[in-house]
Structure formats: C-alpha cells, structure tokens
Amino acid sequence: MANVAMDGAGAGGGAADISISVDEISEIYNKINAIMHELENLDKLTDSIAAIKFYEDGEAKEAMKVYDKANKKSAGFVR
C-alpha cells in the first residue's frame, strides 16, 4: 500500500501528520463512479417507466409529472 505523508507544519503548524493511502483514495473514487453509474441507469429506467401508456392514461398521470421534474433536477447532478 502506498502512502503519502504530509508534514503538519506545512498545514499551518502544530497539526499532526496526515497519512493518505493511495489505495483508499482509489477505492473511494471507484465507489463514487459506481454510484454515478447506478444513478445514470436509474434515470434511463425511470424514463422507460414513464413511457408506459398505463401511467399516462391512469390515475398515476399526475404522479408521473413528479418523476419528470425530479429527472430534470438529477440530470444536472449526474452529468
């Protein structure tokens, strides 16, 4: 495991040394990418559900408007 140690004096003095594991940072990065991938898939699945005519013709028509609005908000976050 590779580590990067930073001297506390460079961080304003008096602070303890900080040890950063490159492996841990890579793992966090990979987890964030996996979450983003799931959100992108969720967006596509929600669009396909919204395209089903049952939801447009039934009582759920009003509820589906919420998904459209939520998708537009999340699209700015994911992309």
C-alpha atoms as a PDB file:
ATOM      1  CA  MET A   1       0.000   0.000   0.000  1.00  0.00           C
ATOM      2  CA  ALA A   2       1.434   3.365  -0.969  1.00  0.00           C
ATOM      3  CA  ASN A   3       1.098   6.264   1.434  1.00  0.00           C
ATOM      4  CA  VAL A   4       1.791   9.947   1.161  1.00  0.00           C
ATOM      5  CA  ALA A   5       2.749  11.658   4.398  1.00  0.00           C
ATOM      6  CA  MET A   6       2.323  15.378   4.782  1.00  0.00           C
ATOM      7  CA  ASP A   7       4.187  17.289   7.472  1.00  0.00           C
ATOM      8  CA  GLY A   8       1.833  19.070   9.844  1.00  0.00           C
ATOM      9  CA  ALA A   9       3.982  22.199   9.723  1.00  0.00           C
ATOM     10  CA  GLY A  10       3.051  22.695   6.078  1.00  0.00           C
ATOM     11  CA  ALA A  11      -0.612  22.698   7.039  1.00  0.00           C
ATOM     12  CA  GLY A  12      -0.349  25.723   9.294  1.00  0.00           C
ATOM     13  CA  GLY A  13       1.874  24.309  12.013  1.00  0.00           C
ATOM     14  CA  GLY A  14       1.172  22.256  15.080  1.00  0.00           C
ATOM     15  CA  ALA A  15      -1.074  19.758  13.311  1.00  0.00           C
ATOM     16  CA  ALA A  16      -0.478  16.027  13.346  1.00  0.00           C
ATOM     17  CA  ASP A  17       0.969  14.338  10.274  1.00  0.00           C
ATOM     18  CA  ILE A  18      -1.602  13.203   7.721  1.00  0.00           C
ATOM     19  CA  SER A  19      -1.144   9.856   6.020  1.00  0.00           C
ATOM     20  CA  ILE A  20      -3.089   9.356   2.783  1.00  0.00           C
ATOM     21  CA  SER A  21      -3.430   5.860   1.351  1.00  0.00           C
ATOM     22  CA  VAL A  22      -3.483   5.914  -2.434  1.00  0.00           C
ATOM     23  CA  ASP A  23      -5.365   2.590  -2.357  1.00  0.00           C
ATOM     24  CA  GLU A  24      -8.099   4.077  -0.159  1.00  0.00           C
ATOM     25  CA  ILE A  25      -8.450   7.119  -2.405  1.00  0.00           C
ATOM     26  CA  SER A  26      -8.740   4.795  -5.432  1.00  0.00           C
ATOM     27  CA  GLU A  27     -11.398   2.740  -3.650  1.00  0.00           C
ATOM     28  CA  ILE A  28     -13.415   5.870  -2.819  1.00  0.00           C
ATOM     29  CA  TYR A  29     -13.121   7.036  -6.437  1.00  0.00           C
ATOM     30  CA  ASN A  30     -14.329   3.652  -7.713  1.00  0.00           C
ATOM     31  CA  LYS A  31     -17.292   3.674  -5.322  1.00  0.00           C
ATOM     32  CA  ILE A  32     -18.304   7.171  -6.415  1.00  0.00           C
ATOM     33  CA  ASN A  33     -18.107   6.077 -10.060  1.00  0.00           C
ATOM     34  CA  ALA A  34     -20.299   3.045  -9.289  1.00  0.00           C
ATOM     35  CA  ILE A  35     -22.884   5.292  -7.621  1.00  0.00           C
ATOM     36  CA  MET A  36     -22.873   7.643 -10.617  1.00  0.00           C
ATOM     37  CA  HIS A  37     -23.349   4.671 -12.955  1.00  0.00           C
ATOM     38  CA  GLU A  38     -26.336   3.469 -10.893  1.00  0.00           C
ATOM     39  CA  LEU A  39     -27.875   6.954 -10.986  1.00  0.00           C
ATOM     40  CA  GLU A  40     -27.482   7.099 -14.766  1.00  0.00           C
ATOM     41  CA  ASN A  41     -29.166   3.691 -15.083  1.00  0.00           C
ATOM     42  CA  LEU A  42     -31.941   4.799 -12.749  1.00  0.00           C
ATOM     43  CA  ASP A  43     -32.556   7.821 -14.953  1.00  0.00           C
ATOM     44  CA  LYS A  44     -32.904   5.577 -18.029  1.00  0.00           C
ATOM     45  CA  LEU A  45     -35.186   3.130 -16.208  1.00  0.00           C
ATOM     46  CA  THR A  46     -37.405   5.922 -14.929  1.00  0.00           C
ATOM     47  CA  ASP A  47     -37.720   7.278 -18.471  1.00  0.00           C
ATOM     48  CA  SER A  48     -38.786   3.846 -19.737  1.00  0.00           C
ATOM     49  CA  ILE A  49     -41.355   3.523 -16.936  1.00  0.00           C
ATOM     50  CA  ALA A  50     -42.680   6.991 -17.734  1.00  0.00           C
ATOM     51  CA  ALA A  51     -43.134   5.949 -21.383  1.00  0.00           C
ATOM     52  CA  ILE A  52     -45.633   3.211 -20.458  1.00  0.00           C
ATOM     53  CA  LYS A  53     -49.098   4.356 -21.563  1.00  0.00           C
ATOM     54  CA  PHE A  54     -50.740   2.861 -18.459  1.00  0.00           C
ATOM     55  CA  TYR A  55     -49.230   5.633 -16.387  1.00  0.00           C
ATOM     56  CA  GLU A  56     -50.381   8.331 -18.788  1.00  0.00           C
ATOM     57  CA  ASP A  57     -53.945   7.023 -19.051  1.00  0.00           C
ATOM     58  CA  GLY A  58     -54.478   6.078 -15.409  1.00  0.00           C
ATOM     59  CA  GLU A  59     -54.622   7.936 -12.149  1.00  0.00           C
ATOM     60  CA  ALA A  60     -50.841   7.927 -11.948  1.00  0.00           C
ATOM     61  CA  LYS A  61     -50.621  10.587 -14.670  1.00  0.00           C
ATOM     62  CA  GLU A  62     -50.275  13.374 -12.094  1.00  0.00           C
ATOM     63  CA  ALA A  63     -47.734  11.389 -10.083  1.00  0.00           C
ATOM     64  CA  MET A  64     -45.567  10.851 -13.157  1.00  0.00           C
ATOM     65  CA  LYS A  65     -45.113  14.621 -13.516  1.00  0.00           C
ATOM     66  CA  VAL A  66     -43.071  14.490 -10.311  1.00  0.00           C
ATOM     67  CA  TYR A  67     -40.673  11.949 -11.869  1.00  0.00           C
ATOM     68  CA  ASP A  68     -40.158  14.158 -14.909  1.00  0.00           C
ATOM     69  CA  LYS A  69     -39.320  17.125 -12.698  1.00  0.00           C
ATOM     70  CA  ALA A  70     -37.026  15.016 -10.483  1.00  0.00           C
ATOM     71  CA  ASN A  71     -35.213  13.587 -13.515  1.00  0.00           C
ATOM     72  CA  LYS A  72     -34.500  17.056 -14.838  1.00  0.00           C
ATOM     73  CA  LYS A  73     -33.051  18.056 -11.456  1.00  0.00           C
ATOM     74  CA  SER A  74     -30.941  14.895 -11.137  1.00  0.00           C
ATOM     75  CA  ALA A  75     -29.683  15.185 -14.729  1.00  0.00           C
ATOM     76  CA  GLY A  76     -27.755  18.289 -13.743  1.00  0.00           C
ATOM     77  CA  PHE A  77     -26.175  16.408 -10.850  1.00  0.00           C
ATOM     78  CA  VAL A  78     -25.266  13.209 -12.676  1.00  0.00           C
ATOM     79  CA  ARG A  79     -23.992  14.654 -15.920  1.00  0.00           C
END
